[in-house]
Amino acid sequence: MACPPQRGGRTVLNSAISQTASMGPGAQANGALHGRRNVTVASPTGTCAPAGARAQPLTVCIFCGAAAGKRKVFEEQTRTAVRVLVSQGHRIVYGGAKNGLMGVMADEAIRLGGTVVGVIPALLVDKELIHKGLNEIHVVASMHERKKKMSDLADAFLALPGGAGSFEEILE
């Protein structure tokens, strides 16, 4: 099996949480994730190791929606992904907002004792969208600087449900 795709020398993590959508409400998605034996992760040296292998913790940049969407499964999938990342000791960097799936993601990581770093443009701070419970926050001048700072801080990238903005961020 090939290593996960790389972007500028950084690993792009593919989310296995899409399985949870087909499992239905109340399904034990966490067990399904851990039960997959063919998932691989790339180590900092670029070689692949089995998913169960302990590697150095990464800073994972998560792109997700500023709105929660109409389907509760998106919130469930977001929490599941965060549980997996935090349980493996990974730090999370994201857009720094308290609303939508971004807020769900940050709240869950904080609740689980994870480290969460936010990067938010000053314009959104002025609109009182900043999440105030983060371990670290970087206020930047523009959306362009936000994406650059998040990329600079991250070792890996994960896209969760979102809209056009999330899609644009992961493609850049």
N, C-alpha and C. Protein backbone atom coordinates (compact mmCIF):
# COMPACT_ATOMS: atom_id res chain seq x y z
N MET A 1 0.84 -1.19 0.00
CA MET A 1 0.00 0.00 0.00
C MET A 1 0.88 1.24 0.00
N ALA A 2 0.50 2.24 -0.73
CA ALA A 2 1.28 3.47 -0.84
C ALA A 2 1.09 4.36 0.38
N CYS A 3 2.07 5.20 0.64
CA CYS A 3 1.97 6.18 1.71
C CYS A 3 0.90 7.20 1.35
N PRO A 4 0.34 7.88 2.35
CA PRO A 4 -0.61 8.95 2.06
C PRO A 4 0.04 10.03 1.20
N PRO A 5 -0.78 10.75 0.43
CA PRO A 5 -0.21 11.79 -0.43
C PRO A 5 0.54 12.85 0.36
N GLN A 6 1.52 13.45 -0.26
CA GLN A 6 2.33 14.50 0.36
C GLN A 6 2.02 15.84 -0.30
N ARG A 7 2.13 16.91 0.45
CA ARG A 7 1.95 18.26 -0.07
C ARG A 7 3.09 19.09 0.51
N GLY A 8 4.03 19.46 -0.32
CA GLY A 8 5.15 20.27 0.16
C GLY A 8 5.91 19.59 1.26
N GLY A 9 6.06 18.26 1.17
CA GLY A 9 6.78 17.52 2.19
C GLY A 9 5.95 17.19 3.42
N ARG A 10 4.67 17.53 3.41
CA ARG A 10 3.80 17.26 4.55
C ARG A 10 2.75 16.22 4.16
N THR A 11 2.35 15.43 5.11
CA THR A 11 1.38 14.38 4.86
C THR A 11 -0.03 14.95 4.75
N VAL A 12 -0.78 14.47 3.78
CA VAL A 12 -2.20 14.80 3.68
C VAL A 12 -2.96 13.60 4.20
N LEU A 13 -3.62 13.73 5.35
CA LEU A 13 -4.35 12.62 5.95
C LEU A 13 -5.69 12.47 5.26
N ASN A 14 -6.00 11.25 4.85
CA ASN A 14 -7.31 10.96 4.30
C ASN A 14 -8.21 10.51 5.44
N SER A 15 -9.38 11.06 5.52
CA SER A 15 -10.28 10.76 6.62
C SER A 15 -11.00 9.44 6.39
N ALA A 16 -10.97 8.57 7.38
CA ALA A 16 -11.68 7.31 7.32
C ALA A 16 -13.08 7.46 7.90
N ILE A 17 -13.46 8.66 8.30
CA ILE A 17 -14.74 8.83 8.97
C ILE A 17 -15.91 8.77 8.01
N SER A 18 -15.68 8.73 6.71
CA SER A 18 -16.81 8.65 5.79
C SER A 18 -17.60 7.37 6.03
N GLN A 19 -16.98 6.35 6.63
CA GLN A 19 -17.69 5.12 6.95
C GLN A 19 -18.84 5.39 7.90
N THR A 20 -18.71 6.36 8.78
CA THR A 20 -19.73 6.59 9.80
C THR A 20 -21.04 7.03 9.18
N ALA A 21 -21.01 7.70 8.04
CA ALA A 21 -22.24 8.16 7.42
C ALA A 21 -23.12 6.99 7.02
N SER A 22 -22.51 5.89 6.55
CA SER A 22 -23.30 4.75 6.12
C SER A 22 -23.69 3.85 7.28
N MET A 23 -23.13 4.08 8.46
CA MET A 23 -23.41 3.23 9.61
C MET A 23 -24.71 3.62 10.30
N GLY A 24 -25.16 4.84 10.10
CA GLY A 24 -26.40 5.28 10.71
C GLY A 24 -26.19 5.87 12.09
N PRO A 25 -27.24 6.54 12.60
CA PRO A 25 -27.14 7.19 13.91
C PRO A 25 -26.89 6.18 15.02
N GLY A 26 -26.07 6.56 15.97
CA GLY A 26 -25.81 5.72 17.12
C GLY A 26 -24.81 4.60 16.89
N ALA A 27 -24.32 4.46 15.68
CA ALA A 27 -23.36 3.39 15.39
C ALA A 27 -22.04 3.68 16.10
N GLN A 28 -21.30 2.65 16.40
CA GLN A 28 -20.01 2.81 17.06
C GLN A 28 -18.94 3.10 16.02
N ALA A 29 -18.91 4.31 15.53
CA ALA A 29 -17.97 4.68 14.48
C ALA A 29 -16.53 4.57 14.94
N ASN A 30 -16.26 4.87 16.21
CA ASN A 30 -14.89 4.84 16.70
C ASN A 30 -14.30 3.44 16.56
N GLY A 31 -15.07 2.41 16.87
CA GLY A 31 -14.60 1.04 16.72
C GLY A 31 -14.33 0.71 15.26
N ALA A 32 -15.16 1.23 14.37
CA ALA A 32 -14.96 0.96 12.95
C ALA A 32 -13.66 1.57 12.47
N LEU A 33 -13.34 2.76 12.99
CA LEU A 33 -12.10 3.39 12.58
C LEU A 33 -10.89 2.59 13.04
N HIS A 34 -10.92 2.17 14.30
CA HIS A 34 -9.77 1.46 14.84
C HIS A 34 -9.67 0.05 14.28
N GLY A 35 -10.79 -0.49 13.75
CA GLY A 35 -10.79 -1.83 13.22
C GLY A 35 -10.17 -1.95 11.84
N ARG A 36 -9.92 -0.85 11.17
CA ARG A 36 -9.33 -0.90 9.84
C ARG A 36 -7.85 -1.20 9.95
N ARG A 37 -7.40 -2.24 9.27
CA ARG A 37 -6.00 -2.64 9.36
C ARG A 37 -5.19 -2.15 8.17
N ASN A 38 -5.84 -1.66 7.14
CA ASN A 38 -5.10 -1.26 5.94
C ASN A 38 -4.80 0.23 5.88
N VAL A 39 -5.09 0.96 6.94
CA VAL A 39 -4.81 2.39 6.96
C VAL A 39 -3.32 2.59 7.26
N THR A 40 -2.69 3.50 6.56
CA THR A 40 -1.28 3.79 6.82
C THR A 40 -1.09 5.26 7.12
N VAL A 41 -0.04 5.55 7.84
CA VAL A 41 0.33 6.94 8.09
C VAL A 41 1.79 7.10 7.71
N ALA A 42 2.17 8.28 7.34
CA ALA A 42 3.57 8.52 6.98
C ALA A 42 4.31 9.05 8.20
N SER A 43 5.47 8.53 8.42
CA SER A 43 6.30 9.02 9.52
C SER A 43 7.02 10.28 9.05
N PRO A 44 7.63 11.04 9.98
CA PRO A 44 8.37 12.24 9.57
C PRO A 44 9.49 11.95 8.57
N THR A 45 9.95 10.69 8.52
CA THR A 45 11.02 10.36 7.57
C THR A 45 10.47 10.07 6.18
N GLY A 46 9.13 10.00 6.06
CA GLY A 46 8.52 9.75 4.77
C GLY A 46 8.21 8.29 4.50
N THR A 47 8.59 7.40 5.42
CA THR A 47 8.27 5.99 5.24
C THR A 47 6.92 5.70 5.86
N CYS A 48 6.24 4.67 5.39
CA CYS A 48 4.93 4.33 5.92
C CYS A 48 5.06 3.37 7.08
N ALA A 49 4.14 3.50 8.02
CA ALA A 49 4.06 2.59 9.15
C ALA A 49 2.60 2.21 9.34
N PRO A 50 2.31 1.06 9.93
CA PRO A 50 0.92 0.69 10.20
C PRO A 50 0.25 1.74 11.07
N ALA A 51 -1.06 1.90 10.92
CA ALA A 51 -1.79 2.94 11.65
C ALA A 51 -1.65 2.79 13.15
N GLY A 52 -1.50 1.58 13.66
CA GLY A 52 -1.37 1.37 15.09
C GLY A 52 0.00 1.73 15.64
N ALA A 53 0.97 1.94 14.77
CA ALA A 53 2.33 2.25 15.21
C ALA A 53 2.36 3.65 15.84
N ARG A 54 3.12 3.79 16.90
CA ARG A 54 3.25 5.09 17.55
C ARG A 54 4.31 5.91 16.84
N ALA A 55 3.92 7.03 16.33
CA ALA A 55 4.84 7.95 15.67
C ALA A 55 4.87 9.23 16.49
N GLN A 56 5.78 10.10 16.15
CA GLN A 56 5.86 11.40 16.80
C GLN A 56 4.55 12.15 16.53
N PRO A 57 3.98 12.78 17.56
CA PRO A 57 2.75 13.53 17.35
C PRO A 57 2.91 14.61 16.27
N LEU A 58 1.87 14.83 15.51
CA LEU A 58 1.85 15.82 14.44
C LEU A 58 0.99 17.01 14.84
N THR A 59 1.19 18.12 14.17
CA THR A 59 0.25 19.23 14.22
C THR A 59 -0.59 19.10 12.96
N VAL A 60 -1.87 18.81 13.15
CA VAL A 60 -2.78 18.56 12.04
C VAL A 60 -3.65 19.79 11.81
N CYS A 61 -3.58 20.33 10.61
CA CYS A 61 -4.42 21.46 10.23
C CYS A 61 -5.75 20.91 9.74
N ILE A 62 -6.84 21.34 10.37
CA ILE A 62 -8.17 20.87 10.00
C ILE A 62 -8.93 22.00 9.32
N PHE A 63 -9.43 21.70 8.14
CA PHE A 63 -10.32 22.61 7.42
C PHE A 63 -11.73 22.06 7.55
N CYS A 64 -12.66 22.89 8.04
CA CYS A 64 -14.05 22.45 8.16
C CYS A 64 -14.96 23.67 8.13
N GLY A 65 -16.25 23.41 8.12
CA GLY A 65 -17.24 24.46 7.90
C GLY A 65 -17.41 25.45 9.03
N ALA A 66 -17.68 26.69 8.66
CA ALA A 66 -18.02 27.74 9.62
C ALA A 66 -19.49 27.64 10.01
N ALA A 67 -20.21 26.74 9.35
CA ALA A 67 -21.60 26.41 9.70
C ALA A 67 -21.65 24.92 9.99
N ALA A 68 -22.61 24.50 10.79
CA ALA A 68 -22.71 23.09 11.16
C ALA A 68 -23.39 22.27 10.08
N GLY A 69 -24.14 22.91 9.21
CA GLY A 69 -24.88 22.17 8.19
C GLY A 69 -26.18 21.62 8.77
N LYS A 70 -26.96 21.01 7.91
CA LYS A 70 -28.29 20.52 8.32
C LYS A 70 -28.26 19.08 8.81
N ARG A 71 -27.21 18.34 8.50
CA ARG A 71 -27.13 16.93 8.85
C ARG A 71 -26.27 16.74 10.10
N LYS A 72 -26.86 16.18 11.14
CA LYS A 72 -26.16 15.95 12.41
C LYS A 72 -24.95 15.03 12.25
N VAL A 73 -24.95 14.20 11.20
CA VAL A 73 -23.84 13.27 10.98
C VAL A 73 -22.53 14.04 10.79
N PHE A 74 -22.58 15.27 10.28
CA PHE A 74 -21.36 16.06 10.11
C PHE A 74 -20.74 16.37 11.46
N GLU A 75 -21.57 16.73 12.45
CA GLU A 75 -21.05 17.00 13.79
C GLU A 75 -20.50 15.72 14.41
N GLU A 76 -21.19 14.59 14.22
CA GLU A 76 -20.74 13.31 14.76
C GLU A 76 -19.39 12.92 14.15
N GLN A 77 -19.26 13.08 12.84
CA GLN A 77 -18.01 12.74 12.16
C GLN A 77 -16.87 13.63 12.62
N THR A 78 -17.16 14.90 12.82
CA THR A 78 -16.15 15.83 13.29
C THR A 78 -15.65 15.42 14.67
N ARG A 79 -16.57 15.11 15.58
CA ARG A 79 -16.17 14.68 16.92
C ARG A 79 -15.36 13.38 16.86
N THR A 80 -15.76 12.46 16.00
CA THR A 80 -15.04 11.19 15.86
C THR A 80 -13.61 11.42 15.40
N ALA A 81 -13.44 12.26 14.39
CA ALA A 81 -12.09 12.54 13.88
C ALA A 81 -11.23 13.17 14.97
N VAL A 82 -11.80 14.10 15.72
CA VAL A 82 -11.06 14.77 16.80
C VAL A 82 -10.68 13.78 17.89
N ARG A 83 -11.59 12.87 18.24
CA ARG A 83 -11.26 11.86 19.26
C ARG A 83 -10.06 11.03 18.83
N VAL A 84 -10.01 10.64 17.57
CA VAL A 84 -8.89 9.85 17.07
C VAL A 84 -7.60 10.66 17.14
N LEU A 85 -7.63 11.90 16.66
CA LEU A 85 -6.42 12.73 16.66
C LEU A 85 -5.90 13.00 18.07
N VAL A 86 -6.79 13.40 18.97
CA VAL A 86 -6.38 13.73 20.34
C VAL A 86 -5.88 12.48 21.05
N SER A 87 -6.53 11.34 20.82
CA SER A 87 -6.10 10.10 21.50
C SER A 87 -4.69 9.69 21.07
N GLN A 88 -4.26 10.13 19.91
CA GLN A 88 -2.92 9.82 19.42
C GLN A 88 -1.92 10.93 19.73
N GLY A 89 -2.35 11.95 20.47
CA GLY A 89 -1.45 13.00 20.91
C GLY A 89 -1.18 14.10 19.89
N HIS A 90 -1.95 14.14 18.81
CA HIS A 90 -1.73 15.16 17.79
C HIS A 90 -2.31 16.51 18.22
N ARG A 91 -1.62 17.58 17.87
CA ARG A 91 -2.12 18.96 18.07
C ARG A 91 -3.01 19.31 16.89
N ILE A 92 -3.92 20.24 17.10
CA ILE A 92 -4.81 20.69 16.04
C ILE A 92 -4.61 22.18 15.81
N VAL A 93 -4.50 22.56 14.54
CA VAL A 93 -4.51 23.97 14.16
C VAL A 93 -5.69 24.14 13.20
N TYR A 94 -6.41 25.23 13.37
CA TYR A 94 -7.60 25.47 12.54
C TYR A 94 -7.86 26.97 12.49
N GLY A 95 -8.99 27.35 11.90
CA GLY A 95 -9.30 28.75 11.65
C GLY A 95 -9.67 29.62 12.83
N GLY A 96 -9.73 29.08 14.04
CA GLY A 96 -9.88 29.90 15.24
C GLY A 96 -11.27 30.38 15.60
N ALA A 97 -12.29 29.98 14.86
CA ALA A 97 -13.64 30.47 15.14
C ALA A 97 -14.39 29.56 16.10
N LYS A 98 -15.45 30.12 16.71
CA LYS A 98 -16.26 29.36 17.67
C LYS A 98 -17.53 28.80 17.04
N ASN A 99 -17.83 29.17 15.82
CA ASN A 99 -19.09 28.80 15.19
C ASN A 99 -18.95 27.57 14.30
N GLY A 100 -20.09 26.95 14.00
CA GLY A 100 -20.16 25.85 13.05
C GLY A 100 -19.34 24.64 13.46
N LEU A 101 -18.92 23.88 12.45
CA LEU A 101 -18.11 22.69 12.71
C LEU A 101 -16.75 23.05 13.27
N MET A 102 -16.27 24.26 12.98
CA MET A 102 -15.02 24.70 13.58
C MET A 102 -15.15 24.74 15.10
N GLY A 103 -16.26 25.28 15.59
CA GLY A 103 -16.50 25.34 17.02
C GLY A 103 -16.71 23.97 17.63
N VAL A 104 -17.45 23.11 16.93
CA VAL A 104 -17.66 21.73 17.39
C VAL A 104 -16.32 21.03 17.54
N MET A 105 -15.47 21.18 16.53
CA MET A 105 -14.16 20.54 16.52
C MET A 105 -13.30 21.04 17.68
N ALA A 106 -13.22 22.35 17.85
CA ALA A 106 -12.40 22.93 18.91
C ALA A 106 -12.93 22.55 20.29
N ASP A 107 -14.23 22.64 20.48
CA ASP A 107 -14.84 22.30 21.77
C ASP A 107 -14.54 20.84 22.15
N GLU A 108 -14.68 19.94 21.18
CA GLU A 108 -14.43 18.51 21.45
C GLU A 108 -12.97 18.27 21.81
N ALA A 109 -12.06 18.87 21.06
CA ALA A 109 -10.63 18.69 21.34
C ALA A 109 -10.27 19.24 22.72
N ILE A 110 -10.78 20.38 23.07
CA ILE A 110 -10.52 20.98 24.38
C ILE A 110 -11.10 20.10 25.49
N ARG A 111 -12.33 19.62 25.27
CA ARG A 111 -12.98 18.75 26.25
C ARG A 111 -12.15 17.49 26.53
N LEU A 112 -11.48 17.00 25.48
CA LEU A 112 -10.68 15.78 25.60
C LEU A 112 -9.24 16.06 26.07
N GLY A 113 -8.93 17.32 26.31
CA GLY A 113 -7.59 17.67 26.79
C GLY A 113 -6.57 17.86 25.68
N GLY A 114 -7.02 18.01 24.45
CA GLY A 114 -6.12 18.21 23.32
C GLY A 114 -5.61 19.64 23.25
N THR A 115 -4.58 19.83 22.44
CA THR A 115 -4.01 21.15 22.22
C THR A 115 -4.59 21.70 20.92
N VAL A 116 -5.18 22.89 21.00
CA VAL A 116 -5.84 23.50 19.85
C VAL A 116 -5.27 24.90 19.63
N VAL A 117 -4.79 25.13 18.41
CA VAL A 117 -4.22 26.41 18.01
C VAL A 117 -5.15 27.02 16.96
N GLY A 118 -5.55 28.26 17.16
CA GLY A 118 -6.40 28.96 16.21
C GLY A 118 -5.63 30.03 15.46
N VAL A 119 -5.99 30.22 14.20
CA VAL A 119 -5.43 31.29 13.38
C VAL A 119 -6.62 32.02 12.77
N ILE A 120 -6.79 33.28 13.13
CA ILE A 120 -8.00 33.99 12.73
C ILE A 120 -7.66 35.40 12.25
N PRO A 121 -8.31 35.84 11.18
CA PRO A 121 -8.10 37.22 10.72
C PRO A 121 -8.72 38.23 11.70
N ALA A 122 -8.11 39.39 11.81
CA ALA A 122 -8.59 40.43 12.73
C ALA A 122 -10.05 40.79 12.45
N LEU A 123 -10.47 40.77 11.19
CA LEU A 123 -11.84 41.09 10.83
C LEU A 123 -12.84 40.18 11.55
N LEU A 124 -12.50 38.89 11.68
CA LEU A 124 -13.40 37.95 12.36
C LEU A 124 -13.34 38.11 13.87
N VAL A 125 -12.21 38.56 14.40
CA VAL A 125 -12.12 38.87 15.83
C VAL A 125 -13.06 40.03 16.13
N ASP A 126 -13.05 41.03 15.25
CA ASP A 126 -13.92 42.20 15.41
C ASP A 126 -15.40 41.82 15.39
N LYS A 127 -15.74 40.75 14.67
CA LYS A 127 -17.13 40.28 14.60
C LYS A 127 -17.46 39.31 15.73
N GLU A 128 -16.54 39.16 16.68
CA GLU A 128 -16.70 38.33 17.87
C GLU A 128 -16.91 36.85 17.53
N LEU A 129 -16.20 36.37 16.51
CA LEU A 129 -16.29 34.97 16.13
C LEU A 129 -15.14 34.13 16.69
N ILE A 130 -14.22 34.75 17.41
CA ILE A 130 -13.04 34.05 17.92
C ILE A 130 -13.44 33.09 19.05
N HIS A 131 -12.82 31.92 19.05
CA HIS A 131 -13.01 30.94 20.12
C HIS A 131 -12.05 31.32 21.25
N LYS A 132 -12.57 31.57 22.42
CA LYS A 132 -11.75 32.09 23.52
C LYS A 132 -11.15 31.01 24.41
N GLY A 133 -11.43 29.73 24.13
CA GLY A 133 -10.92 28.67 24.98
C GLY A 133 -9.72 27.94 24.42
N LEU A 134 -9.08 28.49 23.41
CA LEU A 134 -7.98 27.80 22.74
C LEU A 134 -6.68 27.89 23.54
N ASN A 135 -5.78 26.93 23.28
CA ASN A 135 -4.48 26.94 23.93
C ASN A 135 -3.60 28.06 23.41
N GLU A 136 -3.80 28.39 22.14
CA GLU A 136 -2.96 29.40 21.49
C GLU A 136 -3.78 30.02 20.36
N ILE A 137 -3.64 31.32 20.16
CA ILE A 137 -4.36 32.00 19.08
C ILE A 137 -3.42 32.95 18.37
N HIS A 138 -3.49 32.94 17.05
CA HIS A 138 -2.71 33.86 16.22
C HIS A 138 -3.71 34.73 15.46
N VAL A 139 -3.63 36.04 15.66
CA VAL A 139 -4.48 36.97 14.92
C VAL A 139 -3.65 37.52 13.77
N VAL A 140 -4.18 37.37 12.55
CA VAL A 140 -3.46 37.80 11.35
C VAL A 140 -4.29 38.85 10.62
N ALA A 141 -3.66 39.49 9.63
CA ALA A 141 -4.30 40.61 8.94
C ALA A 141 -5.33 40.20 7.89
N SER A 142 -5.17 39.03 7.27
CA SER A 142 -6.05 38.68 6.14
C SER A 142 -6.28 37.17 6.06
N MET A 143 -7.23 36.78 5.22
CA MET A 143 -7.49 35.36 4.98
C MET A 143 -6.28 34.70 4.35
N HIS A 144 -5.60 35.42 3.48
CA HIS A 144 -4.40 34.87 2.84
C HIS A 144 -3.33 34.56 3.90
N GLU A 145 -3.11 35.50 4.83
CA GLU A 145 -2.14 35.27 5.90
C GLU A 145 -2.58 34.12 6.80
N ARG A 146 -3.89 33.98 7.00
CA ARG A 146 -4.42 32.88 7.82
C ARG A 146 -4.02 31.54 7.22
N LYS A 147 -4.28 31.37 5.93
CA LYS A 147 -3.94 30.11 5.26
C LYS A 147 -2.44 29.84 5.30
N LYS A 148 -1.65 30.87 5.10
CA LYS A 148 -0.19 30.69 5.13
C LYS A 148 0.28 30.28 6.52
N LYS A 149 -0.23 30.96 7.54
CA LYS A 149 0.18 30.66 8.92
C LYS A 149 -0.24 29.23 9.30
N MET A 150 -1.45 28.84 8.95
CA MET A 150 -1.92 27.50 9.25
C MET A 150 -1.04 26.47 8.56
N SER A 151 -0.69 26.73 7.32
CA SER A 151 0.18 25.82 6.57
C SER A 151 1.57 25.74 7.20
N ASP A 152 2.08 26.89 7.62
CA ASP A 152 3.41 26.92 8.24
C ASP A 152 3.44 26.13 9.55
N LEU A 153 2.35 26.15 10.30
CA LEU A 153 2.29 25.47 11.59
C LEU A 153 2.04 23.97 11.47
N ALA A 154 1.50 23.53 10.34
CA ALA A 154 1.01 22.15 10.21
C ALA A 154 2.04 21.17 9.65
N ASP A 155 1.90 19.93 10.11
CA ASP A 155 2.65 18.80 9.56
C ASP A 155 1.77 17.99 8.61
N ALA A 156 0.45 18.04 8.83
CA ALA A 156 -0.50 17.27 8.05
C ALA A 156 -1.79 18.06 7.92
N PHE A 157 -2.63 17.67 6.95
CA PHE A 157 -3.87 18.39 6.67
C PHE A 157 -5.04 17.42 6.62
N LEU A 158 -6.20 17.87 7.13
CA LEU A 158 -7.40 17.06 7.12
C LEU A 158 -8.58 17.95 6.76
N ALA A 159 -9.35 17.53 5.78
CA ALA A 159 -10.57 18.26 5.39
C ALA A 159 -11.77 17.51 5.93
N LEU A 160 -12.59 18.19 6.71
CA LEU A 160 -13.84 17.66 7.20
C LEU A 160 -14.96 18.37 6.45
N PRO A 161 -16.22 17.98 6.67
CA PRO A 161 -17.30 18.64 5.92
C PRO A 161 -17.24 20.16 6.05
N GLY A 162 -17.49 20.80 4.94
CA GLY A 162 -17.46 22.26 4.89
C GLY A 162 -18.02 22.73 3.57
N GLY A 163 -17.88 23.99 3.31
CA GLY A 163 -18.39 24.57 2.08
C GLY A 163 -17.28 24.96 1.13
N ALA A 164 -17.55 25.97 0.34
CA ALA A 164 -16.60 26.41 -0.67
C ALA A 164 -15.29 26.89 -0.05
N GLY A 165 -15.35 27.53 1.10
CA GLY A 165 -14.13 28.01 1.75
C GLY A 165 -13.22 26.88 2.18
N SER A 166 -13.79 25.82 2.75
CA SER A 166 -13.00 24.65 3.15
C SER A 166 -12.39 23.99 1.93
N PHE A 167 -13.18 23.90 0.88
CA PHE A 167 -12.70 23.28 -0.37
C PHE A 167 -11.53 24.07 -0.94
N GLU A 168 -11.67 25.39 -0.96
CA GLU A 168 -10.60 26.25 -1.48
C GLU A 168 -9.33 26.14 -0.64
N GLU A 169 -9.51 26.07 0.69
CA GLU A 169 -8.35 26.00 1.58
C GLU A 169 -7.56 24.70 1.38
N ILE A 170 -8.22 23.59 1.28
CA ILE A 170 -7.50 22.34 1.14
C ILE A 170 -6.84 22.22 -0.24
N LEU A 171 -7.41 22.85 -1.25
CA LEU A 171 -6.81 22.80 -2.58
C LEU A 171 -5.58 23.70 -2.69
N GLU A 172 -5.58 24.80 -1.95
CA GLU A 172 -4.44 25.71 -2.02
C GLU A 172 -3.24 25.05 -1.38
